[in-house]
């Protein structure tokens, strides 16, 4: 099956995955420069990720999807990594 899976090893009985504690998020990066108030607001608005969404393949099957405007929010991914990923996908013909 094509497509990507966010957490393929997530247990079948996992109903939802809540936002991790701030220290765990900080280990993955992306919290630098956030004021305490902003982090508290982020946490208050966060919703748990549904378990099935973590385990299911995300597939794209038609080129019609390319006509839909898309926004990537990658606050913890350095821009150079995003550019490299996009360039790599373009080189391989994957979208």
PDB file of N, CA and C in Angstrom:
ATOM      1  N   UNK A   1       0.858  -1.182   0.000  1.00  0.00           N
ATOM      2  CA  UNK A   1       0.000   0.000   0.000  1.00  0.00           C
ATOM      3  C   UNK A   1       0.895   1.232   0.000  1.00  0.00           C
ATOM      4  N   UNK A   2       0.546   2.213  -0.815  1.00  0.00           N
ATOM      5  CA  UNK A   2       1.335   3.441  -0.867  1.00  0.00           C
ATOM      6  C   UNK A   2       0.818   4.433   0.167  1.00  0.00           C
ATOM      7  N   UNK A   3       1.569   5.474   0.373  1.00  0.00           N
ATOM      8  CA  UNK A   3       1.180   6.487   1.347  1.00  0.00           C
ATOM      9  C   UNK A   3       2.047   6.401   2.589  1.00  0.00           C
ATOM     10  N   UNK A   4       1.857   7.347   3.457  1.00  0.00           N
ATOM     11  CA  UNK A   4       2.661   7.367   4.672  1.00  0.00           C
ATOM     12  C   UNK A   4       1.784   7.108   5.888  1.00  0.00           C
ATOM     13  N   UNK A   5       2.410   6.638   6.939  1.00  0.00           N
ATOM     14  CA  UNK A   5       1.727   6.373   8.199  1.00  0.00           C
ATOM     15  C   UNK A   5       2.498   7.111   9.285  1.00  0.00           C
ATOM     16  N   UNK A   6       1.799   7.914  10.082  1.00  0.00           N
ATOM     17  CA  UNK A   6       2.463   8.717  11.104  1.00  0.00           C
ATOM     18  C   UNK A   6       3.087   7.846  12.190  1.00  0.00           C
ATOM     19  N   UNK A   7       2.342   6.873  12.698  1.00  0.00           N
ATOM     20  CA  UNK A   7       2.839   6.019  13.783  1.00  0.00           C
ATOM     21  C   UNK A   7       2.418   4.574  13.528  1.00  0.00           C
ATOM     22  N   UNK A   8       3.091   3.895  12.603  1.00  0.00           N
ATOM     23  CA  UNK A   8       2.683   2.542  12.242  1.00  0.00           C
ATOM     24  C   UNK A   8       2.720   1.551  13.408  1.00  0.00           C
ATOM     25  N   UNK A   9       3.525   1.830  14.416  1.00  0.00           N
ATOM     26  CA  UNK A   9       3.636   0.920  15.559  1.00  0.00           C
ATOM     27  C   UNK A   9       2.701   1.278  16.706  1.00  0.00           C
ATOM     28  N   UNK A  10       1.820   2.249  16.496  1.00  0.00           N
ATOM     29  CA  UNK A  10       0.873   2.627  17.560  1.00  0.00           C
ATOM     30  C   UNK A  10      -0.014   1.419  17.876  1.00  0.00           C
ATOM     31  N   UNK A  11      -0.201   1.114  19.149  1.00  0.00           N
ATOM     32  CA  UNK A  11      -1.012  -0.045  19.520  1.00  0.00           C
ATOM     33  C   UNK A  11      -2.450   0.077  19.020  1.00  0.00           C
ATOM     34  N   UNK A  12      -3.022  -1.038  18.627  1.00  0.00           N
ATOM     35  CA  UNK A  12      -4.397  -1.060  18.126  1.00  0.00           C
ATOM     36  C   UNK A  12      -5.395  -0.535  19.157  1.00  0.00           C
ATOM     37  N   UNK A  13      -5.098  -0.713  20.434  1.00  0.00           N
ATOM     38  CA  UNK A  13      -6.036  -0.283  21.485  1.00  0.00           C
ATOM     39  C   UNK A  13      -5.848   1.187  21.882  1.00  0.00           C
ATOM     40  N   UNK A  14      -4.954   1.893  21.204  1.00  0.00           N
ATOM     41  CA  UNK A  14      -4.744   3.316  21.487  1.00  0.00           C
ATOM     42  C   UNK A  14      -5.860   4.110  20.823  1.00  0.00           C
ATOM     43  N   UNK A  15      -6.728   4.710  21.620  1.00  0.00           N
ATOM     44  CA  UNK A  15      -7.857   5.474  21.078  1.00  0.00           C
ATOM     45  C   UNK A  15      -7.458   6.873  20.630  1.00  0.00           C
ATOM     46  N   UNK A  16      -6.520   7.483  21.345  1.00  0.00           N
ATOM     47  CA  UNK A  16      -6.065   8.813  20.971  1.00  0.00           C
ATOM     48  C   UNK A  16      -4.713   9.086  21.606  1.00  0.00           C
ATOM     49  N   UNK A  17      -3.971   9.990  20.980  1.00  0.00           N
ATOM     50  CA  UNK A  17      -2.647  10.363  21.469  1.00  0.00           C
ATOM     51  C   UNK A  17      -2.675  11.832  21.851  1.00  0.00           C
ATOM     52  N   UNK A  18      -2.620  12.132  23.151  1.00  0.00           N
ATOM     53  CA  UNK A  18      -2.654  13.535  23.568  1.00  0.00           C
ATOM     54  C   UNK A  18      -1.326  14.233  23.272  1.00  0.00           C
ATOM     55  N   UNK A  19      -1.370  15.545  23.319  1.00  0.00           N
ATOM     56  CA  UNK A  19      -0.150  16.329  23.162  1.00  0.00           C
ATOM     57  C   UNK A  19       0.822  15.947  24.272  1.00  0.00           C
ATOM     58  N   UNK A  20       2.072  15.635  23.939  1.00  0.00           N
ATOM     59  CA  UNK A  20       3.046  15.268  24.969  1.00  0.00           C
ATOM     60  C   UNK A  20       3.352  16.443  25.897  1.00  0.00           C
ATOM     61  N   UNK A  21       3.916  16.166  27.069  1.00  0.00           N
ATOM     62  CA  UNK A  21       4.337  17.249  27.968  1.00  0.00           C
ATOM     63  C   UNK A  21       5.341  18.172  27.274  1.00  0.00           C
ATOM     64  N   UNK A  22       5.404  19.396  27.735  1.00  0.00           N
ATOM     65  CA  UNK A  22       6.268  20.400  27.096  1.00  0.00           C
ATOM     66  C   UNK A  22       7.725  19.969  27.019  1.00  0.00           C
ATOM     67  N   UNK A  23       8.237  19.305  28.061  1.00  0.00           N
ATOM     68  CA  UNK A  23       9.645  18.901  28.013  1.00  0.00           C
ATOM     69  C   UNK A  23       9.886  17.881  26.904  1.00  0.00           C
ATOM     70  N   UNK A  24       8.935  16.985  26.664  1.00  0.00           N
ATOM     71  CA  UNK A  24       9.079  16.007  25.585  1.00  0.00           C
ATOM     72  C   UNK A  24       8.994  16.706  24.225  1.00  0.00           C
ATOM     73  N   UNK A  25       8.106  17.685  24.102  1.00  0.00           N
ATOM     74  CA  UNK A  25       8.020  18.443  22.852  1.00  0.00           C
ATOM     75  C   UNK A  25       9.318  19.202  22.600  1.00  0.00           C
ATOM     76  N   UNK A  26       9.872  19.771  23.665  1.00  0.00           N
ATOM     77  CA  UNK A  26      11.109  20.531  23.545  1.00  0.00           C
ATOM     78  C   UNK A  26      12.274  19.688  23.074  1.00  0.00           C
ATOM     79  N   UNK A  27      12.284  18.391  23.428  1.00  0.00           N
ATOM     80  CA  UNK A  27      13.355  17.497  22.984  1.00  0.00           C
ATOM     81  C   UNK A  27      13.340  17.334  21.469  1.00  0.00           C
ATOM     82  N   UNK A  28      12.172  17.455  20.863  1.00  0.00           N
ATOM     83  CA  UNK A  28      12.058  17.322  19.413  1.00  0.00           C
ATOM     84  C   UNK A  28      12.295  18.650  18.710  1.00  0.00           C
ATOM     85  N   UNK A  29      12.428  19.714  19.484  1.00  0.00           N
ATOM     86  CA  UNK A  29      12.690  21.026  18.910  1.00  0.00           C
ATOM     87  C   UNK A  29      11.411  21.772  18.613  1.00  0.00           C
ATOM     88  N   UNK A  30      11.551  23.017  18.259  1.00  0.00           N
ATOM     89  CA  UNK A  30      10.424  23.809  17.835  1.00  0.00           C
ATOM     90  C   UNK A  30       9.773  24.664  18.898  1.00  0.00           C
ATOM     91  N   UNK A  31      10.228  24.599  20.139  1.00  0.00           N
ATOM     92  CA  UNK A  31       9.638  25.427  21.190  1.00  0.00           C
ATOM     93  C   UNK A  31      10.507  26.622  21.528  1.00  0.00           C
ATOM     94  N   UNK A  32      11.672  26.689  20.927  1.00  0.00           N
ATOM     95  CA  UNK A  32      12.577  27.789  21.208  1.00  0.00           C
ATOM     96  C   UNK A  32      11.912  29.118  20.878  1.00  0.00           C
ATOM     97  N   UNK A  33      12.014  30.063  21.798  1.00  0.00           N
ATOM     98  CA  UNK A  33      11.484  31.392  21.558  1.00  0.00           C
ATOM     99  C   UNK A  33      10.011  31.561  21.887  1.00  0.00           C
ATOM    100  N   UNK A  34       9.309  30.494  22.224  1.00  0.00           N
ATOM    101  CA  UNK A  34       7.897  30.624  22.593  1.00  0.00           C
ATOM    102  C   UNK A  34       7.779  31.142  24.023  1.00  0.00           C
ATOM    103  N   UNK A  35       6.989  32.171  24.177  1.00  0.00           N
ATOM    104  CA  UNK A  35       6.720  32.666  25.529  1.00  0.00           C
ATOM    105  C   UNK A  35       5.830  31.672  26.265  1.00  0.00           C
ATOM    106  N   UNK A  36       5.876  31.694  27.574  1.00  0.00           N
ATOM    107  CA  UNK A  36       5.056  30.802  28.393  1.00  0.00           C
ATOM    108  C   UNK A  36       3.582  30.941  28.044  1.00  0.00           C
ATOM    109  N   UNK A  37       3.118  32.169  27.836  1.00  0.00           N
ATOM    110  CA  UNK A  37       1.706  32.396  27.504  1.00  0.00           C
ATOM    111  C   UNK A  37       1.337  31.720  26.184  1.00  0.00           C
ATOM    112  N   UNK A  38       2.220  31.788  25.195  1.00  0.00           N
ATOM    113  CA  UNK A  38       1.949  31.178  23.893  1.00  0.00           C
ATOM    114  C   UNK A  38       1.899  29.657  24.014  1.00  0.00           C
ATOM    115  N   UNK A  39       2.814  29.096  24.780  1.00  0.00           N
ATOM    116  CA  UNK A  39       2.836  27.654  24.977  1.00  0.00           C
ATOM    117  C   UNK A  39       1.578  27.191  25.726  1.00  0.00           C
ATOM    118  N   UNK A  40       1.152  27.967  26.715  1.00  0.00           N
ATOM    119  CA  UNK A  40      -0.067  27.622  27.462  1.00  0.00           C
ATOM    120  C   UNK A  40      -1.296  27.691  26.550  1.00  0.00           C
ATOM    121  N   UNK A  41      -1.351  28.689  25.673  1.00  0.00           N
ATOM    122  CA  UNK A  41      -2.473  28.812  24.731  1.00  0.00           C
ATOM    123  C   UNK A  41      -2.459  27.646  23.739  1.00  0.00           C
ATOM    124  N   UNK A  42      -1.279  27.295  23.251  1.00  0.00           N
ATOM    125  CA  UNK A  42      -1.126  26.158  22.349  1.00  0.00           C
ATOM    126  C   UNK A  42      -1.637  24.881  23.008  1.00  0.00           C
ATOM    127  N   UNK A  43      -1.224  24.652  24.241  1.00  0.00           N
ATOM    128  CA  UNK A  43      -1.640  23.447  24.974  1.00  0.00           C
ATOM    129  C   UNK A  43      -3.141  23.450  25.223  1.00  0.00           C
ATOM    130  N   UNK A  44      -3.718  24.600  25.544  1.00  0.00           N
ATOM    131  CA  UNK A  44      -5.150  24.682  25.825  1.00  0.00           C
ATOM    132  C   UNK A  44      -5.985  24.377  24.578  1.00  0.00           C
ATOM    133  N   UNK A  45      -5.460  24.706  23.395  1.00  0.00           N
ATOM    134  CA  UNK A  45      -6.216  24.498  22.155  1.00  0.00           C
ATOM    135  C   UNK A  45      -5.906  23.163  21.491  1.00  0.00           C
ATOM    136  N   UNK A  46      -4.899  22.457  21.983  1.00  0.00           N
ATOM    137  CA  UNK A  46      -4.488  21.190  21.358  1.00  0.00           C
ATOM    138  C   UNK A  46      -5.569  20.128  21.516  1.00  0.00           C
ATOM    139  N   UNK A  47      -5.744  19.340  20.486  1.00  0.00           N
ATOM    140  CA  UNK A  47      -6.681  18.218  20.524  1.00  0.00           C
ATOM    141  C   UNK A  47      -5.883  16.930  20.333  1.00  0.00           C
ATOM    142  N   UNK A  48      -6.286  15.863  21.013  1.00  0.00           N
ATOM    143  CA  UNK A  48      -5.564  14.596  20.832  1.00  0.00           C
ATOM    144  C   UNK A  48      -5.703  14.073  19.401  1.00  0.00           C
ATOM    145  N   UNK A  49      -4.682  13.391  18.942  1.00  0.00           N
ATOM    146  CA  UNK A  49      -4.713  12.766  17.619  1.00  0.00           C
ATOM    147  C   UNK A  49      -5.459  11.440  17.738  1.00  0.00           C
ATOM    148  N   UNK A  50      -6.504  11.217  16.941  1.00  0.00           N
ATOM    149  CA  UNK A  50      -7.238   9.945  17.022  1.00  0.00           C
ATOM    150  C   UNK A  50      -6.341   8.759  16.675  1.00  0.00           C
ATOM    151  N   UNK A  51      -6.441   7.700  17.448  1.00  0.00           N
ATOM    152  CA  UNK A  51      -5.624   6.507  17.236  1.00  0.00           C
ATOM    153  C   UNK A  51      -5.653   5.985  15.816  1.00  0.00           C
ATOM    154  N   UNK A  52      -6.852   5.815  15.211  1.00  0.00           N
ATOM    155  CA  UNK A  52      -6.871   5.293  13.842  1.00  0.00           C
ATOM    156  C   UNK A  52      -6.117   6.176  12.846  1.00  0.00           C
ATOM    157  N   UNK A  53      -6.129   7.483  13.049  1.00  0.00           N
ATOM    158  CA  UNK A  53      -5.408   8.390  12.148  1.00  0.00           C
ATOM    159  C   UNK A  53      -3.904   8.134  12.232  1.00  0.00           C
ATOM    160  N   UNK A  54      -3.417   7.780  13.394  1.00  0.00           N
ATOM    161  CA  UNK A  54      -1.991   7.497  13.570  1.00  0.00           C
ATOM    162  C   UNK A  54      -1.556   6.259  12.788  1.00  0.00           C
ATOM    163  N   UNK A  55      -2.463   5.284  12.659  1.00  0.00           N
ATOM    164  CA  UNK A  55      -2.110   3.983  12.091  1.00  0.00           C
ATOM    165  C   UNK A  55      -2.477   3.810  10.620  1.00  0.00           C
ATOM    166  N   UNK A  56      -3.355   4.641  10.083  1.00  0.00           N
ATOM    167  CA  UNK A  56      -3.839   4.444   8.722  1.00  0.00           C
ATOM    168  C   UNK A  56      -2.955   5.151   7.692  1.00  0.00           C
ATOM    169  N   UNK A  57      -2.891   4.567   6.521  1.00  0.00           N
ATOM    170  CA  UNK A  57      -2.133   5.165   5.424  1.00  0.00           C
ATOM    171  C   UNK A  57      -2.829   6.419   4.922  1.00  0.00           C
ATOM    172  N   UNK A  58      -2.048   7.441   4.681  1.00  0.00           N
ATOM    173  CA  UNK A  58      -2.550   8.647   4.027  1.00  0.00           C
ATOM    174  C   UNK A  58      -2.197   8.500   2.554  1.00  0.00           C
ATOM    175  N   UNK A  59      -3.204   8.372   1.723  1.00  0.00           N
ATOM    176  CA  UNK A  59      -2.937   8.172   0.300  1.00  0.00           C
ATOM    177  C   UNK A  59      -3.521   9.310  -0.522  1.00  0.00           C
ATOM    178  N   UNK A  60      -2.891   9.533  -1.631  1.00  0.00           N
ATOM    179  CA  UNK A  60      -3.363  10.533  -2.589  1.00  0.00           C
ATOM    180  C   UNK A  60      -3.512   9.790  -3.906  1.00  0.00           C
ATOM    181  N   UNK A  61      -4.715   9.818  -4.476  1.00  0.00           N
ATOM    182  CA  UNK A  61      -4.949   8.949  -5.620  1.00  0.00           C
ATOM    183  C   UNK A  61      -5.181   9.657  -6.946  1.00  0.00           C
ATOM    184  N   UNK A  62      -5.502  10.927  -6.944  1.00  0.00           N
ATOM    185  CA  UNK A  62      -5.766  11.593  -8.223  1.00  0.00           C
ATOM    186  C   UNK A  62      -4.996  12.909  -8.302  1.00  0.00           C
ATOM    187  N   UNK A  63      -4.735  13.335  -9.512  1.00  0.00           N
ATOM    188  CA  UNK A  63      -4.052  14.612  -9.703  1.00  0.00           C
ATOM    189  C   UNK A  63      -4.957  15.802  -9.404  1.00  0.00           C
ATOM    190  N   UNK A  64      -6.273  15.582  -9.251  1.00  0.00           N
ATOM    191  CA  UNK A  64      -7.197  16.672  -8.920  1.00  0.00           C
ATOM    192  C   UNK A  64      -6.815  17.307  -7.589  1.00  0.00           C
ATOM    193  N   UNK A  65      -6.160  16.539  -6.724  1.00  0.00           N
ATOM    194  CA  UNK A  65      -5.757  17.074  -5.413  1.00  0.00           C
ATOM    195  C   UNK A  65      -4.748  18.217  -5.562  1.00  0.00           C
ATOM    196  N   UNK A  66      -4.068  18.261  -6.705  1.00  0.00           N
ATOM    197  CA  UNK A  66      -3.061  19.303  -6.917  1.00  0.00           C
ATOM    198  C   UNK A  66      -3.687  20.672  -7.117  1.00  0.00           C
ATOM    199  N   UNK A  67      -4.992  20.714  -7.431  1.00  0.00           N
ATOM    200  CA  UNK A  67      -5.695  21.982  -7.636  1.00  0.00           C
ATOM    201  C   UNK A  67      -6.162  22.585  -6.310  1.00  0.00           C
ATOM    202  N   UNK A  68      -6.027  21.837  -5.230  1.00  0.00           N
ATOM    203  CA  UNK A  68      -6.459  22.315  -3.919  1.00  0.00           C
ATOM    204  C   UNK A  68      -5.292  23.049  -3.261  1.00  0.00           C
ATOM    205  N   UNK A  69      -5.495  24.310  -2.864  1.00  0.00           N
ATOM    206  CA  UNK A  69      -4.413  25.033  -2.185  1.00  0.00           C
ATOM    207  C   UNK A  69      -3.969  24.277  -0.927  1.00  0.00           C
ATOM    208  N   UNK A  70      -2.679  24.243  -0.713  1.00  0.00           N
ATOM    209  CA  UNK A  70      -2.116  23.502   0.407  1.00  0.00           C
ATOM    210  C   UNK A  70      -1.194  24.400   1.207  1.00  0.00           C
ATOM    211  N   UNK A  71      -1.236  24.234   2.508  1.00  0.00           N
ATOM    212  CA  UNK A  71      -0.341  24.964   3.392  1.00  0.00           C
ATOM    213  C   UNK A  71       0.396  23.970   4.272  1.00  0.00           C
ATOM    214  N   UNK A  72       1.689  24.094   4.363  1.00  0.00           N
ATOM    215  CA  UNK A  72       2.487  23.263   5.247  1.00  0.00           C
ATOM    216  C   UNK A  72       2.825  24.084   6.478  1.00  0.00           C
ATOM    217  N   UNK A  73       2.449  23.577   7.629  1.00  0.00           N
ATOM    218  CA  UNK A  73       2.832  24.218   8.883  1.00  0.00           C
ATOM    219  C   UNK A  73       3.906  23.324   9.482  1.00  0.00           C
ATOM    220  N   UNK A  74       5.118  23.799   9.466  1.00  0.00           N
ATOM    221  CA  UNK A  74       6.248  23.002   9.934  1.00  0.00           C
ATOM    222  C   UNK A  74       7.085  23.778  10.918  1.00  0.00           C
ATOM    223  N   UNK A  75       6.509  24.105  12.060  1.00  0.00           N
ATOM    224  CA  UNK A  75       7.193  24.981  13.001  1.00  0.00           C
ATOM    225  C   UNK A  75       8.443  24.351  13.594  1.00  0.00           C
ATOM    226  N   UNK A  76       8.546  23.030  13.588  1.00  0.00           N
ATOM    227  CA  UNK A  76       9.733  22.434  14.183  1.00  0.00           C
ATOM    228  C   UNK A  76      10.661  21.841  13.127  1.00  0.00           C
ATOM    229  N   UNK A  77      10.370  22.119  11.875  1.00  0.00           N
ATOM    230  CA  UNK A  77      11.206  21.611  10.789  1.00  0.00           C
ATOM    231  C   UNK A  77      11.961  22.798  10.179  1.00  0.00           C
ATOM    232  N   UNK A  78      13.285  22.755  10.195  1.00  0.00           N
ATOM    233  CA  UNK A  78      14.051  23.855   9.607  1.00  0.00           C
ATOM    234  C   UNK A  78      13.698  24.022   8.129  1.00  0.00           C
ATOM    235  N   UNK A  79      13.643  25.257   7.658  1.00  0.00           N
ATOM    236  CA  UNK A  79      13.263  25.525   6.274  1.00  0.00           C
ATOM    237  C   UNK A  79      14.179  24.807   5.286  1.00  0.00           C
ATOM    238  N   UNK A  80      15.453  24.685   5.606  1.00  0.00           N
ATOM    239  CA  UNK A  80      16.375  23.987   4.701  1.00  0.00           C
ATOM    240  C   UNK A  80      15.958  22.524   4.529  1.00  0.00           C
ATOM    241  N   UNK A  81      15.456  21.909   5.579  1.00  0.00           N
ATOM    242  CA  UNK A  81      15.008  20.519   5.488  1.00  0.00           C
ATOM    243  C   UNK A  81      13.749  20.406   4.624  1.00  0.00           C
ATOM    244  N   UNK A  82      12.853  21.381   4.730  1.00  0.00           N
ATOM    245  CA  UNK A  82      11.641  21.381   3.902  1.00  0.00           C
ATOM    246  C   UNK A  82      12.018  21.538   2.434  1.00  0.00           C
ATOM    247  N   UNK A  83      12.918  22.463   2.147  1.00  0.00           N
ATOM    248  CA  UNK A  83      13.353  22.679   0.760  1.00  0.00           C
ATOM    249  C   UNK A  83      14.020  21.416   0.222  1.00  0.00           C
ATOM    250  N   UNK A  84      14.874  20.783   1.008  1.00  0.00           N
ATOM    251  CA  UNK A  84      15.547  19.560   0.569  1.00  0.00           C
ATOM    252  C   UNK A  84      14.535  18.450   0.311  1.00  0.00           C
ATOM    253  N   UNK A  85      13.549  18.315   1.178  1.00  0.00           N
ATOM    254  CA  UNK A  85      12.518  17.293   0.998  1.00  0.00           C
ATOM    255  C   UNK A  85      11.722  17.542  -0.272  1.00  0.00           C
ATOM    256  N   UNK A  86      11.314  18.788  -0.495  1.00  0.00           N
ATOM    257  CA  UNK A  86      10.552  19.125  -1.698  1.00  0.00           C
ATOM    258  C   UNK A  86      11.385  18.880  -2.947  1.00  0.00           C
ATOM    259  N   UNK A  87      12.656  19.240  -2.907  1.00  0.00           N
ATOM    260  CA  UNK A  87      13.550  19.035  -4.048  1.00  0.00           C
ATOM    261  C   UNK A  87      13.716  17.550  -4.336  1.00  0.00           C
ATOM    262  N   UNK A  88      13.882  16.763  -3.291  1.00  0.00           N
ATOM    263  CA  UNK A  88      14.028  15.326  -3.444  1.00  0.00           C
ATOM    264  C   UNK A  88      12.780  14.701  -4.043  1.00  0.00           C
ATOM    265  N   UNK A  89      11.609  15.126  -3.563  1.00  0.00           N
ATOM    266  CA  UNK A  89      10.358  14.605  -4.112  1.00  0.00           C
ATOM    267  C   UNK A  89      10.200  14.980  -5.573  1.00  0.00           C
ATOM    268  N   UNK A  90      10.583  16.188  -5.915  1.00  0.00           N
ATOM    269  CA  UNK A  90      10.493  16.629  -7.308  1.00  0.00           C
ATOM    270  C   UNK A  90      11.406  15.803  -8.192  1.00  0.00           C
ATOM    271  N   UNK A  91      12.631  15.504  -7.688  1.00  0.00           N
ATOM    272  CA  UNK A  91      13.588  14.717  -8.472  1.00  0.00           C
ATOM    273  C   UNK A  91      13.074  13.308  -8.728  1.00  0.00           C
ATOM    274  N   UNK A  92      12.394  12.740  -7.745  1.00  0.00           N
ATOM    275  CA  UNK A  92      11.926  11.348  -7.881  1.00  0.00           C
ATOM    276  C   UNK A  92      10.566  11.275  -8.559  1.00  0.00           C
ATOM    277  N   UNK A  93       9.940  12.425  -8.803  1.00  0.00           N
ATOM    278  CA  UNK A  93       8.633  12.428  -9.454  1.00  0.00           C
ATOM    279  C   UNK A  93       7.482  12.141  -8.506  1.00  0.00           C
ATOM    280  N   UNK A  94       7.769  12.045  -7.211  1.00  0.00           N
ATOM    281  CA  UNK A  94       6.710  11.811  -6.218  1.00  0.00           C
ATOM    282  C   UNK A  94       6.135  13.150  -5.797  1.00  0.00           C
ATOM    283  N   UNK A  95       4.863  13.147  -5.432  1.00  0.00           N
ATOM    284  CA  UNK A  95       4.216  14.384  -4.994  1.00  0.00           C
ATOM    285  C   UNK A  95       3.547  14.160  -3.686  1.00  0.00           C
TER     286      UNK A  95
END
